[in-house]
PDB file of N, CA and C in Angstrom:
ATOM      1  N   MET A   1       0.792  -1.209  -0.042  1.00  0.00           N
ATOM      2  CA  MET A   1      -0.237   0.092  -0.058  1.00  0.00           C
ATOM      3  C   MET A   1       0.864   1.492   0.077  1.00  0.00           C
ATOM      4  N   PRO A   2       0.449   2.023  -0.945  1.00  0.00           N
ATOM      5  CA  PRO A   2       1.233   3.843  -0.616  1.00  0.00           C
ATOM      6  C   PRO A   2       1.675   4.461   0.508  1.00  0.00           C
ATOM      7  N   GLN A   3       2.819   4.886   0.385  1.00  0.00           N
ATOM      8  CA  GLN A   3       3.000   5.322   1.993  1.00  0.00           C
ATOM      9  C   GLN A   3       3.092   7.175   1.843  1.00  0.00           C
ATOM     10  N   SER A   4       2.726   7.635   2.754  1.00  0.00           N
ATOM     11  CA  SER A   4       2.562   9.130   3.017  1.00  0.00           C
ATOM     12  C   SER A   4       3.977   9.471   3.104  1.00  0.00           C
ATOM     13  N   SER A   5       4.239  10.905   3.063  1.00  0.00           N
ATOM     14  CA  SER A   5       5.526  11.111   3.018  1.00  0.00           C
ATOM     15  C   SER A   5       6.102  11.555   4.535  1.00  0.00           C
ATOM     16  N   ARG A   6       4.951  11.166   5.404  1.00  0.00           N
ATOM     17  CA  ARG A   6       5.266  11.366   6.473  1.00  0.00           C
ATOM     18  C   ARG A   6       5.393   9.404   7.098  1.00  0.00           C
ATOM     19  N   GLY A   7       5.485   8.733   6.278  1.00  0.00           N
ATOM     20  CA  GLY A   7       5.686   7.233   6.574  1.00  0.00           C
ATOM     21  C   GLY A   7       4.188   6.545   7.253  1.00  0.00           C
ATOM     22  N   GLY A   8       3.272   7.176   7.239  1.00  0.00           N
ATOM     23  CA  GLY A   8       1.983   6.587   7.345  1.00  0.00           C
ATOM     24  C   GLY A   8       1.707   6.418   6.074  1.00  0.00           C
ATOM     25  N   VAL A   9       0.538   5.106   6.089  1.00  0.00           N
ATOM     26  CA  VAL A   9      -0.472   4.562   4.781  1.00  0.00           C
ATOM     27  C   VAL A   9      -1.233   5.609   4.410  1.00  0.00           C
ATOM     28  N   CYS A  10      -1.241   6.356   3.060  1.00  0.00           N
ATOM     29  CA  CYS A  10      -1.941   6.874   2.740  1.00  0.00           C
ATOM     30  C   CYS A  10      -3.684   6.194   2.064  1.00  0.00           C
ATOM     31  N   GLY A  11      -3.963   7.013   1.278  1.00  0.00           N
ATOM     32  CA  GLY A  11      -5.338   6.774   1.218  1.00  0.00           C
ATOM     33  C   GLY A  11      -5.169   5.608  -0.306  1.00  0.00           C
ATOM     34  N   ASN A  12      -5.763   4.510  -0.624  1.00  0.00           N
ATOM     35  CA  ASN A  12      -5.464   3.945  -1.509  1.00  0.00           C
ATOM     36  C   ASN A  12      -6.236   3.698  -2.863  1.00  0.00           C
ATOM     37  N   ARG A  13      -7.153   4.503  -2.662  1.00  0.00           N
ATOM     38  CA  ARG A  13      -8.632   5.007  -4.092  1.00  0.00           C
ATOM     39  C   ARG A  13      -8.423   6.439  -4.695  1.00  0.00           C
ATOM     40  N   VAL A  14      -8.139   6.029  -5.821  1.00  0.00           N
ATOM     41  CA  VAL A  14      -8.076   7.353  -7.252  1.00  0.00           C
ATOM     42  C   VAL A  14      -8.923   7.311  -8.011  1.00  0.00           C
ATOM     43  N   LEU A  15      -9.619   8.820  -7.803  1.00  0.00           N
ATOM     44  CA  LEU A  15     -10.352   8.935  -9.573  1.00  0.00           C
ATOM     45  C   LEU A  15      -9.447   9.557 -10.362  1.00  0.00           C
ATOM     46  N   VAL A  16      -9.278   9.011 -11.867  1.00  0.00           N
ATOM     47  CA  VAL A  16      -8.785   9.654 -12.554  1.00  0.00           C
ATOM     48  C   VAL A  16      -9.734  10.031 -13.138  1.00  0.00           C
ATOM     49  N   VAL A  17      -9.576  11.995 -13.333  1.00  0.00           N
ATOM     50  CA  VAL A  17     -10.820  12.486 -14.417  1.00  0.00           C
ATOM     51  C   VAL A  17     -10.395  13.125 -15.938  1.00  0.00           C
ATOM     52  N   GLU A  18     -10.048  12.202 -16.696  1.00  0.00           N
ATOM     53  CA  GLU A  18      -9.364  13.357 -17.956  1.00  0.00           C
ATOM     54  C   GLU A  18     -10.321  12.437 -19.070  1.00  0.00           C
ATOM     55  N   ASP A  19     -10.229  13.114 -20.222  1.00  0.00           N
ATOM     56  CA  ASP A  19     -10.813  13.127 -21.251  1.00  0.00           C
ATOM     57  C   ASP A  19      -9.917  12.660 -22.338  1.00  0.00           C
ATOM     58  N   ASP A  20      -9.002  12.749 -22.451  1.00  0.00           N
ATOM     59  CA  ASP A  20      -7.879  11.893 -23.337  1.00  0.00           C
ATOM     60  C   ASP A  20      -8.168  10.907 -22.981  1.00  0.00           C
ATOM     61  N   ASP A  21      -8.255   9.769 -23.897  1.00  0.00           N
ATOM     62  CA  ASP A  21      -8.182   8.148 -23.469  1.00  0.00           C
ATOM     63  C   ASP A  21      -6.475   7.508 -23.020  1.00  0.00           C
ATOM     64  N   GLU A  22      -5.665   8.188 -23.854  1.00  0.00           N
ATOM     65  CA  GLU A  22      -4.164   7.656 -23.886  1.00  0.00           C
ATOM     66  C   GLU A  22      -4.016   8.377 -22.745  1.00  0.00           C
ATOM     67  N   VAL A  23      -4.148   9.595 -22.023  1.00  0.00           N
ATOM     68  CA  VAL A  23      -3.424   9.934 -21.144  1.00  0.00           C
ATOM     69  C   VAL A  23      -3.807   9.521 -19.961  1.00  0.00           C
ATOM     70  N   ARG A  24      -5.565   8.997 -19.850  1.00  0.00           N
ATOM     71  CA  ARG A  24      -6.240   8.647 -18.865  1.00  0.00           C
ATOM     72  C   ARG A  24      -5.505   6.808 -18.521  1.00  0.00           C
ATOM     73  N   ALA A  25      -5.529   6.331 -20.026  1.00  0.00           N
ATOM     74  CA  ALA A  25      -4.831   5.180 -19.904  1.00  0.00           C
ATOM     75  C   ALA A  25      -3.919   4.880 -18.823  1.00  0.00           C
ATOM     76  N   LEU A  26      -2.519   6.202 -19.714  1.00  0.00           N
ATOM     77  CA  LEU A  26      -1.228   6.336 -18.609  1.00  0.00           C
ATOM     78  C   LEU A  26      -0.881   6.319 -17.565  1.00  0.00           C
ATOM     79  N   LEU A  27      -1.974   7.159 -17.180  1.00  0.00           N
ATOM     80  CA  LEU A  27      -2.010   7.749 -15.683  1.00  0.00           C
ATOM     81  C   LEU A  27      -2.740   6.276 -15.019  1.00  0.00           C
ATOM     82  N   SER A  28      -3.593   5.714 -15.313  1.00  0.00           N
ATOM     83  CA  SER A  28      -4.173   4.638 -15.032  1.00  0.00           C
ATOM     84  C   SER A  28      -3.017   3.682 -14.419  1.00  0.00           C
ATOM     85  N   GLU A  29      -2.241   3.336 -15.354  1.00  0.00           N
ATOM     86  CA  GLU A  29      -1.303   1.997 -15.504  1.00  0.00           C
ATOM     87  C   GLU A  29      -0.120   2.655 -14.563  1.00  0.00           C
ATOM     88  N   ALA A  30      -0.245   3.795 -14.621  1.00  0.00           N
ATOM     89  CA  ALA A  30       1.442   3.806 -14.034  1.00  0.00           C
ATOM     90  C   ALA A  30       0.708   4.051 -11.781  1.00  0.00           C
ATOM     91  N   LEU A  31      -0.353   4.256 -12.035  1.00  0.00           N
ATOM     92  CA  LEU A  31      -1.084   4.639 -10.392  1.00  0.00           C
ATOM     93  C   LEU A  31      -0.831   3.132 -10.199  1.00  0.00           C
ATOM     94  N   ARG A  32      -1.289   2.408 -11.015  1.00  0.00           N
ATOM     95  CA  ARG A  32      -1.635   0.762 -10.839  1.00  0.00           C
ATOM     96  C   ARG A  32      -0.237   0.366 -10.043  1.00  0.00           C
ATOM     97  N   GLY A  33       0.460   0.438 -11.293  1.00  0.00           N
ATOM     98  CA  GLY A  33       1.828   0.082 -11.284  1.00  0.00           C
ATOM     99  C   GLY A  33       2.458   0.273  -9.398  1.00  0.00           C
ATOM    100  N   LEU A  34       1.890   1.301  -8.822  1.00  0.00           N
ATOM    101  CA  LEU A  34       2.637   2.237  -7.515  1.00  0.00           C
ATOM    102  C   LEU A  34       1.669   1.227  -6.162  1.00  0.00           C
ATOM    103  N   GLY A  35       0.429   0.813  -6.879  1.00  0.00           N
ATOM    104  CA  GLY A  35      -0.205  -0.106  -5.802  1.00  0.00           C
ATOM    105  C   GLY A  35      -1.521   0.499  -5.639  1.00  0.00           C
ATOM    106  N   TYR A  36      -2.070   1.929  -6.229  1.00  0.00           N
ATOM    107  CA  TYR A  36      -3.166   2.217  -5.901  1.00  0.00           C
ATOM    108  C   TYR A  36      -4.440   1.912  -6.955  1.00  0.00           C
ATOM    109  N   GLY A  37      -5.444   1.743  -6.268  1.00  0.00           N
ATOM    110  CA  GLY A  37      -6.695   1.435  -7.147  1.00  0.00           C
ATOM    111  C   GLY A  37      -7.698   2.722  -7.409  1.00  0.00           C
ATOM    112  N   VAL A  38      -7.633   2.040  -9.114  1.00  0.00           N
ATOM    113  CA  VAL A  38      -7.862   3.649  -9.858  1.00  0.00           C
ATOM    114  C   VAL A  38      -9.162   2.973  -9.900  1.00  0.00           C
ATOM    115  N   HIS A  39      -9.643   4.286 -10.100  1.00  0.00           N
ATOM    116  CA  HIS A  39     -11.852   4.397 -11.175  1.00  0.00           C
ATOM    117  C   HIS A  39     -11.305   5.724 -12.052  1.00  0.00           C
ATOM    118  N   THR A  40     -11.762   5.470 -13.335  1.00  0.00           N
ATOM    119  CA  THR A  40     -11.446   6.843 -14.070  1.00  0.00           C
ATOM    120  C   THR A  40     -12.569   6.886 -14.704  1.00  0.00           C
ATOM    121  N   ALA A  41     -12.646   8.147 -14.860  1.00  0.00           N
ATOM    122  CA  ALA A  41     -13.831   9.014 -15.237  1.00  0.00           C
ATOM    123  C   ALA A  41     -13.338   9.911 -17.042  1.00  0.00           C
ATOM    124  N   ALA A  42     -13.995  10.097 -17.886  1.00  0.00           N
ATOM    125  CA  ALA A  42     -13.876  10.181 -19.417  1.00  0.00           C
ATOM    126  C   ALA A  42     -14.205  11.570 -19.382  1.00  0.00           C
ATOM    127  N   SER A  43     -15.312  12.104 -17.786  1.00  0.00           N
ATOM    128  CA  SER A  43     -15.701  13.362 -18.029  1.00  0.00           C
ATOM    129  C   SER A  43     -16.525  13.866 -16.480  1.00  0.00           C
ATOM    130  N   ALA A  44     -16.053  15.203 -16.596  1.00  0.00           N
ATOM    131  CA  ALA A  44     -16.892  15.675 -15.123  1.00  0.00           C
ATOM    132  C   ALA A  44     -18.185  14.907 -14.872  1.00  0.00           C
ATOM    133  N   GLU A  45     -19.136  14.875 -15.544  1.00  0.00           N
ATOM    134  CA  GLU A  45     -20.187  13.928 -15.393  1.00  0.00           C
ATOM    135  C   GLU A  45     -19.879  12.893 -14.922  1.00  0.00           C
ATOM    136  N   GLU A  46     -19.141  12.206 -15.395  1.00  0.00           N
ATOM    137  CA  GLU A  46     -19.006  10.542 -15.258  1.00  0.00           C
ATOM    138  C   GLU A  46     -18.251  10.475 -13.919  1.00  0.00           C
ATOM    139  N   ALA A  47     -17.510  11.494 -13.523  1.00  0.00           N
ATOM    140  CA  ALA A  47     -16.717  11.791 -12.118  1.00  0.00           C
ATOM    141  C   ALA A  47     -17.599  12.204 -10.919  1.00  0.00           C
ATOM    142  N   LEU A  48     -19.028  12.965 -11.429  1.00  0.00           N
ATOM    143  CA  LEU A  48     -19.633  12.872 -10.414  1.00  0.00           C
ATOM    144  C   LEU A  48     -20.439  12.080  -9.891  1.00  0.00           C
ATOM    145  N   VAL A  49     -20.814  10.982 -10.757  1.00  0.00           N
ATOM    146  CA  VAL A  49     -21.716  10.169 -10.137  1.00  0.00           C
ATOM    147  C   VAL A  49     -20.600   9.038  -9.510  1.00  0.00           C
ATOM    148  N   ALA A  50     -19.028   8.923 -10.277  1.00  0.00           N
ATOM    149  CA  ALA A  50     -18.223   8.101  -9.583  1.00  0.00           C
ATOM    150  C   ALA A  50     -18.245   8.699  -7.854  1.00  0.00           C
ATOM    151  N   LEU A  51     -18.526   9.876  -7.651  1.00  0.00           N
ATOM    152  CA  LEU A  51     -17.858  10.244  -6.662  1.00  0.00           C
ATOM    153  C   LEU A  51     -19.172  10.096  -5.502  1.00  0.00           C
ATOM    154  N   GLU A  52     -20.480  10.212  -6.107  1.00  0.00           N
ATOM    155  CA  GLU A  52     -21.504   9.471  -5.344  1.00  0.00           C
ATOM    156  C   GLU A  52     -21.659   8.675  -4.887  1.00  0.00           C
ATOM    157  N   THR A  53     -20.903   6.920  -5.355  1.00  0.00           N
ATOM    158  CA  THR A  53     -21.074   5.456  -5.629  1.00  0.00           C
ATOM    159  C   THR A  53     -19.675   5.556  -4.709  1.00  0.00           C
ATOM    160  N   ALA A  54     -18.774   5.521  -4.756  1.00  0.00           N
ATOM    161  CA  ALA A  54     -17.475   5.607  -4.155  1.00  0.00           C
ATOM    162  C   ALA A  54     -16.700   6.330  -3.740  1.00  0.00           C
ATOM    163  N   PRO A  55     -16.516   7.169  -2.955  1.00  0.00           N
ATOM    164  CA  PRO A  55     -16.118   8.144  -3.123  1.00  0.00           C
ATOM    165  C   PRO A  55     -14.278   8.102  -2.758  1.00  0.00           C
ATOM    166  N   PRO A  56     -13.774   8.496  -3.080  1.00  0.00           N
ATOM    167  CA  PRO A  56     -12.027   7.990  -3.350  1.00  0.00           C
ATOM    168  C   PRO A  56     -11.066   8.766  -2.602  1.00  0.00           C
ATOM    169  N   ASP A  57     -10.349   8.427  -1.837  1.00  0.00           N
ATOM    170  CA  ASP A  57      -9.296   8.803  -1.315  1.00  0.00           C
ATOM    171  C   ASP A  57      -8.562  10.346  -2.176  1.00  0.00           C
ATOM    172  N   LEU A  58      -8.467  10.050  -3.176  1.00  0.00           N
ATOM    173  CA  LEU A  58      -7.933  11.427  -4.318  1.00  0.00           C
ATOM    174  C   LEU A  58      -8.497  11.581  -5.602  1.00  0.00           C
ATOM    175  N   VAL A  59      -8.864  12.935  -5.734  1.00  0.00           N
ATOM    176  CA  VAL A  59      -9.137  13.025  -7.423  1.00  0.00           C
ATOM    177  C   VAL A  59      -7.760  13.797  -8.159  1.00  0.00           C
ATOM    178  N   LEU A  60      -7.316  13.454  -9.255  1.00  0.00           N
ATOM    179  CA  LEU A  60      -6.857  13.402 -10.092  1.00  0.00           C
ATOM    180  C   LEU A  60      -7.572  14.017 -11.722  1.00  0.00           C
ATOM    181  N   ALA A  61      -7.563  15.023 -11.558  1.00  0.00           N
ATOM    182  CA  ALA A  61      -8.782  15.700 -12.315  1.00  0.00           C
ATOM    183  C   ALA A  61      -7.981  16.731 -13.819  1.00  0.00           C
ATOM    184  N   ASP A  62      -8.039  16.664 -15.134  1.00  0.00           N
ATOM    185  CA  ASP A  62      -7.937  17.556 -15.715  1.00  0.00           C
ATOM    186  C   ASP A  62      -8.054  18.623 -14.881  1.00  0.00           C
ATOM    187  N   VAL A  63      -7.349  19.526 -15.546  1.00  0.00           N
ATOM    188  CA  VAL A  63      -7.683  21.100 -14.744  1.00  0.00           C
ATOM    189  C   VAL A  63      -8.715  21.806 -16.214  1.00  0.00           C
ATOM    190  N   ASN A  64      -8.701  21.074 -17.124  1.00  0.00           N
ATOM    191  CA  ASN A  64      -9.539  22.028 -18.627  1.00  0.00           C
ATOM    192  C   ASN A  64     -10.783  20.924 -18.901  1.00  0.00           C
ATOM    193  N   MET A  65     -11.717  20.594 -17.599  1.00  0.00           N
ATOM    194  CA  MET A  65     -13.017  19.563 -17.951  1.00  0.00           C
ATOM    195  C   MET A  65     -14.218  20.436 -18.564  1.00  0.00           C
ATOM    196  N   GLY A  66     -13.941  22.023 -18.516  1.00  0.00           N
ATOM    197  CA  GLY A  66     -15.640  22.571 -18.622  1.00  0.00           C
ATOM    198  C   GLY A  66     -16.231  22.777 -17.934  1.00  0.00           C
ATOM    199  N   ALA A  67     -17.527  22.843 -18.058  1.00  0.00           N
ATOM    200  CA  ALA A  67     -18.507  23.489 -17.137  1.00  0.00           C
ATOM    201  C   ALA A  67     -18.489  22.731 -16.411  1.00  0.00           C
ATOM    202  N   MET A  68     -18.537  21.237 -16.199  1.00  0.00           N
ATOM    203  CA  MET A  68     -18.780  19.728 -15.048  1.00  0.00           C
ATOM    204  C   MET A  68     -17.735  20.563 -14.236  1.00  0.00           C
ATOM    205  N   ARG A  69     -16.430  21.400 -14.739  1.00  0.00           N
ATOM    206  CA  ARG A  69     -15.498  21.054 -13.333  1.00  0.00           C
ATOM    207  C   ARG A  69     -15.793  22.064 -11.880  1.00  0.00           C
ATOM    208  N   ARG A  70     -17.095  23.270 -12.071  1.00  0.00           N
ATOM    209  CA  ARG A  70     -17.117  23.579 -10.956  1.00  0.00           C
ATOM    210  C   ARG A  70     -17.630  22.625 -10.011  1.00  0.00           C
ATOM    211  N   GLN A  71     -18.968  22.172 -10.782  1.00  0.00           N
ATOM    212  CA  GLN A  71     -19.798  20.805  -9.687  1.00  0.00           C
ATOM    213  C   GLN A  71     -19.024  20.393  -8.978  1.00  0.00           C
ATOM    214  N   LEU A  72     -17.859  19.600 -10.256  1.00  0.00           N
ATOM    215  CA  LEU A  72     -16.858  18.858  -9.556  1.00  0.00           C
ATOM    216  C   LEU A  72     -16.081  19.790  -8.255  1.00  0.00           C
ATOM    217  N   ILE A  73     -15.707  20.526  -8.298  1.00  0.00           N
ATOM    218  CA  ILE A  73     -14.570  21.406  -7.566  1.00  0.00           C
ATOM    219  C   ILE A  73     -15.669  21.879  -6.057  1.00  0.00           C
ATOM    220  N   ASN A  74     -16.972  21.768  -6.115  1.00  0.00           N
ATOM    221  CA  ASN A  74     -17.955  22.335  -5.311  1.00  0.00           C
ATOM    222  C   ASN A  74     -18.557  21.089  -4.185  1.00  0.00           C
ATOM    223  N   ARG A  75     -18.308  19.824  -4.930  1.00  0.00           N
ATOM    224  CA  ARG A  75     -18.570  18.420  -4.206  1.00  0.00           C
ATOM    225  C   ARG A  75     -17.093  18.748  -3.024  1.00  0.00           C
ATOM    226  N   HIS A  76     -16.511  19.047  -3.215  1.00  0.00           N
ATOM    227  CA  HIS A  76     -14.967  18.648  -2.308  1.00  0.00           C
ATOM    228  C   HIS A  76     -15.209  19.127  -0.724  1.00  0.00           C
ATOM    229  N   PRO A  77     -16.039  19.779  -0.365  1.00  0.00           N
ATOM    230  CA  PRO A  77     -16.235  19.709   1.248  1.00  0.00           C
ATOM    231  C   PRO A  77     -17.265  18.854   1.484  1.00  0.00           C
ATOM    232  N   ALA A  78     -18.347  18.360   0.702  1.00  0.00           N
ATOM    233  CA  ALA A  78     -19.068  17.010   1.022  1.00  0.00           C
ATOM    234  C   ALA A  78     -18.556  15.858   1.038  1.00  0.00           C
ATOM    235  N   VAL A  79     -17.399  15.895   0.109  1.00  0.00           N
ATOM    236  CA  VAL A  79     -16.258  14.401  -0.412  1.00  0.00           C
ATOM    237  C   VAL A  79     -15.515  14.355   0.971  1.00  0.00           C
ATOM    238  N   GLY A  80     -15.290  15.047   1.187  1.00  0.00           N
ATOM    239  CA  GLY A  80     -14.089  15.330   2.407  1.00  0.00           C
ATOM    240  C   GLY A  80     -14.808  15.230   3.712  1.00  0.00           C
ATOM    241  N   ALA A  81     -16.005  15.679   4.262  1.00  0.00           N
ATOM    242  CA  ALA A  81     -17.033  15.082   5.185  1.00  0.00           C
ATOM    243  C   ALA A  81     -17.121  14.005   5.286  1.00  0.00           C
ATOM    244  N   ASP A  82     -17.805  13.225   3.749  1.00  0.00           N
ATOM    245  CA  ASP A  82     -18.192  11.941   4.502  1.00  0.00           C
ATOM    246  C   ASP A  82     -17.078  10.904   4.552  1.00  0.00           C
ATOM    247  N   LEU A  83     -15.428  11.621   3.523  1.00  0.00           N
ATOM    248  CA  LEU A  83     -14.466  10.780   3.979  1.00  0.00           C
ATOM    249  C   LEU A  83     -14.344  10.343   5.538  1.00  0.00           C
ATOM    250  N   VAL A  84     -14.319  11.389   6.051  1.00  0.00           N
ATOM    251  CA  VAL A  84     -14.108  11.113   7.633  1.00  0.00           C
ATOM    252  C   VAL A  84     -14.941  11.149   8.663  1.00  0.00           C
ATOM    253  N   SER A  85     -16.646  10.545   8.015  1.00  0.00           N
ATOM    254  CA  SER A  85     -17.297   9.947   9.066  1.00  0.00           C
ATOM    255  C   SER A  85     -17.257   9.175   9.678  1.00  0.00           C
ATOM    256  N   GLY A  86     -16.605   7.844   9.141  1.00  0.00           N
ATOM    257  CA  GLY A  86     -15.686   6.966  10.109  1.00  0.00           C
ATOM    258  C   GLY A  86     -15.283   7.324  11.388  1.00  0.00           C
ATOM    259  N   MET A  87     -14.454   8.093  11.093  1.00  0.00           N
ATOM    260  CA  MET A  87     -13.362   8.618  12.479  1.00  0.00           C
ATOM    261  C   MET A  87     -14.158   9.195  13.498  1.00  0.00           C
ATOM    262  N   HIS A  88     -14.354   8.717  14.358  1.00  0.00           N
ATOM    263  CA  HIS A  88     -15.302   9.851  15.605  1.00  0.00           C
ATOM    264  C   HIS A  88     -14.414  10.588  16.473  1.00  0.00           C
ATOM    265  N   THR A  89     -12.643  10.596  16.241  1.00  0.00           N
ATOM    266  CA  THR A  89     -12.087  11.392  16.541  1.00  0.00           C
ATOM    267  C   THR A  89     -12.489  12.618  16.173  1.00  0.00           C
ATOM    268  N   LEU A  90     -12.676  12.648  14.847  1.00  0.00           N
ATOM    269  CA  LEU A  90     -12.980  14.305  14.072  1.00  0.00           C
ATOM    270  C   LEU A  90     -14.165  14.141  14.183  1.00  0.00           C
ATOM    271  N   ASP A  91     -15.199  13.944  14.839  1.00  0.00           N
ATOM    272  CA  ASP A  91     -16.610  14.494  14.519  1.00  0.00           C
ATOM    273  C   ASP A  91     -16.707  15.697  15.036  1.00  0.00           C
ATOM    274  N   ASP A  92     -16.321  16.140  15.685  1.00  0.00           N
ATOM    275  CA  ASP A  92     -16.073  17.909  15.990  1.00  0.00           C
ATOM    276  C   ASP A  92     -15.936  18.712  15.143  1.00  0.00           C
ATOM    277  N   VAL A  93     -15.076  17.985  14.126  1.00  0.00           N
ATOM    278  CA  VAL A  93     -14.139  19.182  13.157  1.00  0.00           C
ATOM    279  C   VAL A  93     -14.987  18.671  11.539  1.00  0.00           C
ATOM    280  N   ARG A  94     -15.565  17.840  11.575  1.00  0.00           N
ATOM    281  CA  ARG A  94     -16.490  17.119  10.147  1.00  0.00           C
ATOM    282  C   ARG A  94     -17.386  18.469   9.508  1.00  0.00           C
ATOM    283  N   PRO A  95     -18.199  19.333  10.650  1.00  0.00           N
ATOM    284  CA  PRO A  95     -19.169  20.441  10.088  1.00  0.00           C
ATOM    285  C   PRO A  95     -17.797  21.662   9.335  1.00  0.00           C
ATOM    286  N   ILE A  96     -16.884  21.496  10.038  1.00  0.00           N
ATOM    287  CA  ILE A  96     -15.877  22.699   9.725  1.00  0.00           C
ATOM    288  C   ILE A  96     -15.349  22.123   8.306  1.00  0.00           C
ATOM    289  N   ILE A  97     -15.029  20.926   8.154  1.00  0.00           N
ATOM    290  CA  ILE A  97     -14.774  20.213   6.768  1.00  0.00           C
ATOM    291  C   ILE A  97     -15.714  20.411   5.962  1.00  0.00           C
ATOM    292  N   ARG A  98     -16.994  20.611   6.214  1.00  0.00           N
ATOM    293  CA  ARG A  98     -18.204  20.389   5.199  1.00  0.00           C
ATOM    294  C   ARG A  98     -18.552  21.839   4.609  1.00  0.00           C
ATOM    295  N   HIS A  99     -17.910  22.749   5.604  1.00  0.00           N
ATOM    296  CA  HIS A  99     -18.693  23.993   5.209  1.00  0.00           C
ATOM    297  C   HIS A  99     -17.726  25.294   4.533  1.00  0.00           C
ATOM    298  N   HIS A 100     -16.132  24.901   5.252  1.00  0.00           N
ATOM    299  CA  HIS A 100     -15.143  25.638   4.764  1.00  0.00           C
ATOM    300  C   HIS A 100     -15.454  26.576   3.788  1.00  0.00           C
ATOM    301  N   HIS A 101     -16.620  26.461   2.649  1.00  0.00           N
ATOM    302  CA  HIS A 101     -16.554  27.441   1.885  1.00  0.00           C
ATOM    303  C   HIS A 101     -17.582  28.165   1.317  1.00  0.00           C
ATOM    304  N   ASP A 102     -18.578  27.488   2.914  1.00  0.00           N
ATOM    305  CA  ASP A 102     -20.177  28.303   2.950  1.00  0.00           C
ATOM    306  C   ASP A 102     -19.216  29.982   3.240  1.00  0.00           C
ATOM    307  N   ARG A 103     -20.554  30.708   2.960  1.00  0.00           N
ATOM    308  CA  ARG A 103     -20.112  32.097   2.827  1.00  0.00           C
ATOM    309  C   ARG A 103     -21.441  33.108   3.710  1.00  0.00           C
ATOM    310  N   TRP A 104     -20.903  34.138   4.808  1.00  0.00           N
ATOM    311  CA  TRP A 104     -22.072  34.840   5.138  1.00  0.00           C
ATOM    312  C   TRP A 104     -23.162  35.077   4.178  1.00  0.00           C
ATOM    313  N   ASP A 105     -22.621  35.435   3.019  1.00  0.00           N
ATOM    314  CA  ASP A 105     -24.093  35.819   2.433  1.00  0.00           C
ATOM    315  C   ASP A 105     -24.789  35.153   1.686  1.00  0.00           C
ATOM    316  N   GLY A 106     -24.323  33.559   2.192  1.00  0.00           N
ATOM    317  CA  GLY A 106     -25.102  32.251   1.337  1.00  0.00           C
ATOM    318  C   GLY A 106     -24.882  32.014  -0.196  1.00  0.00           C
ATOM    319  N   SER A 107     -23.531  32.520  -0.554  1.00  0.00           N
ATOM    320  CA  SER A 107     -22.977  32.233  -1.773  1.00  0.00           C
ATOM    321  C   SER A 107     -21.815  31.253  -1.842  1.00  0.00           C
ATOM    322  N   GLY A 108     -21.874  30.438  -0.713  1.00  0.00           N
ATOM    323  CA  GLY A 108     -20.578  29.372  -0.925  1.00  0.00           C
ATOM    324  C   GLY A 108     -21.163  28.632  -1.024  1.00  0.00           C
ATOM    325  N   TYR A 109     -20.716  27.193  -0.895  1.00  0.00           N
ATOM    326  CA  TYR A 109     -20.874  26.019  -1.210  1.00  0.00           C
ATOM    327  C   TYR A 109     -20.505  25.079  -0.106  1.00  0.00           C
ATOM    328  N   PRO A 110     -20.868  23.638  -0.385  1.00  0.00           N
ATOM    329  CA  PRO A 110     -21.779  22.985  -0.586  1.00  0.00           C
ATOM    330  C   PRO A 110     -23.296  22.946  -0.615  1.00  0.00           C
ATOM    331  N   ASP A 111     -23.426  23.900   0.743  1.00  0.00           N
ATOM    332  CA  ASP A 111     -24.612  24.360   1.218  1.00  0.00           C
ATOM    333  C   ASP A 111     -25.304  25.471   0.773  1.00  0.00           C
ATOM    334  N   GLY A 112     -24.824  26.497   0.538  1.00  0.00           N
ATOM    335  CA  GLY A 112     -25.112  27.821   0.576  1.00  0.00           C
ATOM    336  C   GLY A 112     -25.808  28.489   1.936  1.00  0.00           C
ATOM    337  N   LEU A 113     -24.777  28.278   2.500  1.00  0.00           N
ATOM    338  CA  LEU A 113     -25.434  28.206   4.418  1.00  0.00           C
ATOM    339  C   LEU A 113     -24.900  29.759   4.265  1.00  0.00           C
ATOM    340  N   GLY A 114     -25.950  30.570   4.577  1.00  0.00           N
ATOM    341  CA  GLY A 114     -25.438  32.086   5.360  1.00  0.00           C
ATOM    342  C   GLY A 114     -25.516  32.124   6.825  1.00  0.00           C
ATOM    343  N   ALA A 115     -25.666  34.193   6.930  1.00  0.00           N
ATOM    344  CA  ALA A 115     -25.291  33.828   8.780  1.00  0.00           C
ATOM    345  C   ALA A 115     -26.415  33.431   9.564  1.00  0.00           C
ATOM    346  N   ASP A 116     -27.641  33.358   8.832  1.00  0.00           N
ATOM    347  CA  ASP A 116     -28.378  32.698   9.847  1.00  0.00           C
ATOM    348  C   ASP A 116     -28.550  30.929  10.229  1.00  0.00           C
ATOM    349  N   ALA A 117     -27.512  30.565   9.190  1.00  0.00           N
ATOM    350  CA  ALA A 117     -27.866  29.158   9.561  1.00  0.00           C
ATOM    351  C   ALA A 117     -26.987  28.992  11.125  1.00  0.00           C
TER     352      ALA A 117
END
């Protein structure tokens, strides 16, 4: 299993989001060779489905995914909160993880909470 730079075991599931078939295959092969479990998505739409069904430990995404890119980015606080849901020592910080992009005026994400929340 891959090791973190601090010597501990890091997450093993990687979602590769890339619209170029050859690049996606190359990245997947390299990551599998390093011991990672790899799931792939050819579009942001596919990535959103993958995030719902089996949240990865890491998302490696093409920076030019188009309009769906914002939706994928906006999901990261909720995904992060879901990833730590089984770690009861983090119960107190889970809301911080989920809402770190919510704004006082309600314009943030993922829940659009405002000052009234």
